[in-house]
Amino acid sequence: MRVEECIQETLEHPTIGKTAIADDRQYQITQVELDRFERQLADVDKKDPNLHPRLILGRINSFKRTIDRLNQELREYEQIKRGLG
């Protein structure tokens, strides 16, 4: 998947950009998306060996920020479910 496609999917994701995950369905979707982003991060430098190192670093940083945000959303939802939110 191209980075542009990944960014577009992120923008269209039902939970990204919101302050909290609203229900168990969104929680499950977010877990799947988190796994996908983690796999893409692991493979980002393997996609095109001709990419400039700065472009690779930019992609890595973008994936890391998205992963961090998704993890935060998952933690917030888990706290809400436990009654700590």
N, C-alpha and C. Protein backbone atom coordinates (compact mmCIF):
# COMPACT_ATOMS: atom_id res chain seq x y z
N MET A 1 0.84 -1.17 0.00
CA MET A 1 0.00 0.00 0.00
C MET A 1 0.89 1.24 0.00
N ARG A 2 0.55 2.19 -0.83
CA ARG A 2 1.31 3.43 -0.90
C ARG A 2 1.01 4.30 0.31
N VAL A 3 1.95 5.14 0.67
CA VAL A 3 1.79 6.00 1.83
C VAL A 3 0.56 6.89 1.67
N GLU A 4 0.34 7.41 0.47
CA GLU A 4 -0.80 8.27 0.24
C GLU A 4 -2.11 7.54 0.52
N GLU A 5 -2.19 6.28 0.12
CA GLU A 5 -3.38 5.49 0.37
C GLU A 5 -3.55 5.24 1.87
N CYS A 6 -2.44 5.00 2.55
CA CYS A 6 -2.47 4.77 3.98
C CYS A 6 -2.94 6.01 4.72
N ILE A 7 -2.47 7.17 4.31
CA ILE A 7 -2.88 8.43 4.92
C ILE A 7 -4.37 8.64 4.71
N GLN A 8 -4.85 8.39 3.49
CA GLN A 8 -6.27 8.56 3.20
C GLN A 8 -7.11 7.63 4.05
N GLU A 9 -6.69 6.38 4.20
CA GLU A 9 -7.42 5.44 5.05
C GLU A 9 -7.43 5.91 6.49
N THR A 10 -6.32 6.49 6.93
CA THR A 10 -6.23 7.00 8.29
C THR A 10 -7.25 8.12 8.49
N LEU A 11 -7.33 9.02 7.51
CA LEU A 11 -8.27 10.13 7.62
C LEU A 11 -9.71 9.66 7.63
N GLU A 12 -9.98 8.54 6.96
CA GLU A 12 -11.34 8.01 6.88
C GLU A 12 -11.65 7.02 8.00
N HIS A 13 -10.66 6.68 8.82
CA HIS A 13 -10.83 5.71 9.90
C HIS A 13 -11.87 6.23 10.89
N PRO A 14 -12.77 5.37 11.38
CA PRO A 14 -13.85 5.83 12.24
C PRO A 14 -13.41 6.34 13.62
N THR A 15 -12.20 6.02 14.07
CA THR A 15 -11.79 6.46 15.40
C THR A 15 -10.63 7.43 15.40
N ILE A 16 -9.81 7.43 14.38
CA ILE A 16 -8.65 8.32 14.36
C ILE A 16 -9.13 9.76 14.29
N GLY A 17 -8.54 10.58 15.12
CA GLY A 17 -8.90 11.99 15.14
C GLY A 17 -9.99 12.33 16.13
N LYS A 18 -10.64 11.33 16.70
CA LYS A 18 -11.63 11.56 17.73
C LYS A 18 -10.95 11.42 19.08
N THR A 19 -11.57 11.94 20.11
CA THR A 19 -10.94 11.91 21.42
C THR A 19 -11.00 10.54 22.07
N ALA A 20 -11.98 9.74 21.69
CA ALA A 20 -12.10 8.43 22.32
C ALA A 20 -12.81 7.46 21.39
N ILE A 21 -12.57 6.20 21.62
CA ILE A 21 -13.28 5.14 20.91
C ILE A 21 -14.65 5.02 21.58
N ALA A 22 -15.70 4.93 20.79
CA ALA A 22 -17.06 5.00 21.32
C ALA A 22 -17.63 3.65 21.74
N ASP A 23 -17.18 2.55 21.10
CA ASP A 23 -17.79 1.26 21.41
C ASP A 23 -16.82 0.13 21.10
N ASP A 24 -17.25 -1.10 21.42
CA ASP A 24 -16.39 -2.27 21.23
C ASP A 24 -16.05 -2.50 19.76
N ARG A 25 -16.98 -2.19 18.87
CA ARG A 25 -16.71 -2.37 17.44
C ARG A 25 -15.56 -1.47 17.01
N GLN A 26 -15.60 -0.20 17.40
CA GLN A 26 -14.51 0.70 17.05
C GLN A 26 -13.21 0.27 17.72
N TYR A 27 -13.29 -0.27 18.92
CA TYR A 27 -12.11 -0.77 19.61
C TYR A 27 -11.46 -1.89 18.78
N GLN A 28 -12.26 -2.82 18.30
CA GLN A 28 -11.74 -3.92 17.49
C GLN A 28 -11.15 -3.42 16.18
N ILE A 29 -11.82 -2.47 15.54
CA ILE A 29 -11.31 -1.89 14.29
C ILE A 29 -9.97 -1.22 14.55
N THR A 30 -9.88 -0.50 15.64
CA THR A 30 -8.64 0.20 15.98
C THR A 30 -7.51 -0.79 16.23
N GLN A 31 -7.80 -1.90 16.88
CA GLN A 31 -6.79 -2.93 17.11
C GLN A 31 -6.26 -3.48 15.77
N VAL A 32 -7.16 -3.72 14.84
CA VAL A 32 -6.77 -4.22 13.52
C VAL A 32 -5.91 -3.18 12.79
N GLU A 33 -6.34 -1.93 12.85
CA GLU A 33 -5.58 -0.86 12.20
C GLU A 33 -4.21 -0.70 12.84
N LEU A 34 -4.13 -0.81 14.15
CA LEU A 34 -2.86 -0.71 14.85
C LEU A 34 -1.91 -1.80 14.37
N ASP A 35 -2.41 -3.01 14.27
CA ASP A 35 -1.60 -4.12 13.78
C ASP A 35 -1.10 -3.85 12.36
N ARG A 36 -1.99 -3.32 11.52
CA ARG A 36 -1.61 -3.03 10.14
C ARG A 36 -0.52 -1.97 10.08
N PHE A 37 -0.65 -0.91 10.87
CA PHE A 37 0.37 0.14 10.88
C PHE A 37 1.69 -0.38 11.43
N GLU A 38 1.65 -1.25 12.44
CA GLU A 38 2.88 -1.81 12.98
C GLU A 38 3.59 -2.67 11.94
N ARG A 39 2.83 -3.44 11.16
CA ARG A 39 3.44 -4.24 10.09
C ARG A 39 4.02 -3.35 9.00
N GLN A 40 3.31 -2.28 8.66
CA GLN A 40 3.84 -1.37 7.65
C GLN A 40 5.09 -0.67 8.13
N LEU A 41 5.13 -0.33 9.41
CA LEU A 41 6.33 0.29 9.96
C LEU A 41 7.52 -0.66 9.85
N ALA A 42 7.29 -1.93 10.15
CA ALA A 42 8.36 -2.92 10.08
C ALA A 42 8.89 -3.09 8.66
N ASP A 43 8.03 -2.85 7.68
CA ASP A 43 8.40 -3.06 6.28
C ASP A 43 8.70 -1.78 5.51
N VAL A 44 8.66 -0.62 6.17
CA VAL A 44 8.73 0.64 5.45
C VAL A 44 10.04 0.79 4.65
N ASP A 45 11.14 0.33 5.17
CA ASP A 45 12.40 0.48 4.45
C ASP A 45 12.62 -0.62 3.42
N LYS A 46 11.77 -1.64 3.42
CA LYS A 46 11.89 -2.73 2.47
C LYS A 46 11.07 -2.48 1.20
N LYS A 47 10.18 -1.51 1.25
CA LYS A 47 9.27 -1.26 0.13
C LYS A 47 9.99 -0.82 -1.13
N ASP A 48 10.85 0.18 -0.99
CA ASP A 48 11.54 0.73 -2.15
C ASP A 48 12.96 1.14 -1.73
N PRO A 49 13.93 0.31 -2.03
CA PRO A 49 15.30 0.60 -1.60
C PRO A 49 15.89 1.86 -2.24
N ASN A 50 15.23 2.41 -3.25
CA ASN A 50 15.72 3.61 -3.92
C ASN A 50 15.23 4.91 -3.28
N LEU A 51 14.41 4.80 -2.24
CA LEU A 51 13.89 6.00 -1.60
C LEU A 51 15.01 6.74 -0.85
N HIS A 52 14.91 8.04 -0.87
CA HIS A 52 15.86 8.88 -0.14
C HIS A 52 15.69 8.61 1.36
N PRO A 53 16.78 8.56 2.12
CA PRO A 53 16.69 8.30 3.56
C PRO A 53 15.76 9.25 4.32
N ARG A 54 15.68 10.51 3.90
CA ARG A 54 14.78 11.45 4.57
C ARG A 54 13.32 11.07 4.35
N LEU A 55 13.01 10.59 3.16
CA LEU A 55 11.64 10.16 2.88
C LEU A 55 11.30 8.93 3.73
N ILE A 56 12.24 8.01 3.84
CA ILE A 56 12.03 6.83 4.67
C ILE A 56 11.82 7.26 6.13
N LEU A 57 12.64 8.17 6.62
CA LEU A 57 12.51 8.66 7.99
C LEU A 57 11.16 9.34 8.20
N GLY A 58 10.72 10.12 7.22
CA GLY A 58 9.41 10.76 7.31
C GLY A 58 8.29 9.74 7.41
N ARG A 59 8.39 8.69 6.63
CA ARG A 59 7.37 7.64 6.68
C ARG A 59 7.40 6.93 8.04
N ILE A 60 8.61 6.64 8.51
CA ILE A 60 8.75 5.98 9.82
C ILE A 60 8.11 6.84 10.91
N ASN A 61 8.43 8.12 10.91
CA ASN A 61 7.88 9.02 11.93
C ASN A 61 6.37 9.12 11.84
N SER A 62 5.84 9.15 10.63
CA SER A 62 4.39 9.21 10.44
C SER A 62 3.72 7.95 10.99
N PHE A 63 4.28 6.80 10.67
CA PHE A 63 3.72 5.55 11.19
C PHE A 63 3.80 5.52 12.71
N LYS A 64 4.93 5.95 13.29
CA LYS A 64 5.08 5.94 14.74
C LYS A 64 4.07 6.85 15.42
N ARG A 65 3.84 8.03 14.85
CA ARG A 65 2.85 8.95 15.43
C ARG A 65 1.45 8.34 15.39
N THR A 66 1.12 7.70 14.28
CA THR A 66 -0.19 7.07 14.16
C THR A 66 -0.32 5.92 15.14
N ILE A 67 0.72 5.11 15.26
CA ILE A 67 0.72 3.99 16.21
C ILE A 67 0.55 4.51 17.64
N ASP A 68 1.28 5.56 17.98
CA ASP A 68 1.16 6.14 19.33
C ASP A 68 -0.27 6.63 19.58
N ARG A 69 -0.86 7.30 18.59
CA ARG A 69 -2.22 7.83 18.74
C ARG A 69 -3.23 6.69 18.90
N LEU A 70 -3.09 5.63 18.10
CA LEU A 70 -4.00 4.50 18.21
C LEU A 70 -3.86 3.81 19.56
N ASN A 71 -2.63 3.64 20.02
CA ASN A 71 -2.41 3.04 21.34
C ASN A 71 -3.06 3.88 22.44
N GLN A 72 -2.93 5.20 22.32
CA GLN A 72 -3.54 6.09 23.30
C GLN A 72 -5.05 5.95 23.29
N GLU A 73 -5.65 5.89 22.11
CA GLU A 73 -7.10 5.72 22.01
C GLU A 73 -7.54 4.40 22.63
N LEU A 74 -6.77 3.33 22.39
CA LEU A 74 -7.10 2.04 22.98
C LEU A 74 -7.02 2.10 24.50
N ARG A 75 -5.97 2.74 25.03
CA ARG A 75 -5.83 2.86 26.48
C ARG A 75 -6.98 3.68 27.09
N GLU A 76 -7.35 4.77 26.43
CA GLU A 76 -8.45 5.60 26.93
C GLU A 76 -9.75 4.80 26.98
N TYR A 77 -10.01 4.03 25.94
CA TYR A 77 -11.24 3.24 25.91
C TYR A 77 -11.21 2.18 27.01
N GLU A 78 -10.07 1.54 27.19
CA GLU A 78 -9.94 0.53 28.24
C GLU A 78 -10.18 1.14 29.61
N GLN A 79 -9.70 2.35 29.84
CA GLN A 79 -9.94 3.03 31.11
C GLN A 79 -11.42 3.35 31.29
N ILE A 80 -12.05 3.80 30.22
CA ILE A 80 -13.49 4.09 30.29
C ILE A 80 -14.27 2.81 30.62
N LYS A 81 -13.91 1.71 29.97
CA LYS A 81 -14.59 0.44 30.21
C LYS A 81 -14.41 -0.03 31.65
N ARG A 82 -13.25 0.27 32.24
CA ARG A 82 -12.99 -0.12 33.64
C ARG A 82 -13.59 0.89 34.61
N GLY A 83 -14.12 1.98 34.10
CA GLY A 83 -14.73 2.99 34.95
C GLY A 83 -13.75 3.98 35.52
N LEU A 84 -12.56 4.09 34.87
CA LEU A 84 -11.54 5.02 35.35
C LEU A 84 -11.48 6.29 34.55
N GLY A 85 -12.25 6.36 33.47
CA GLY A 85 -12.15 7.49 32.55
C GLY A 85 -12.98 8.67 32.92
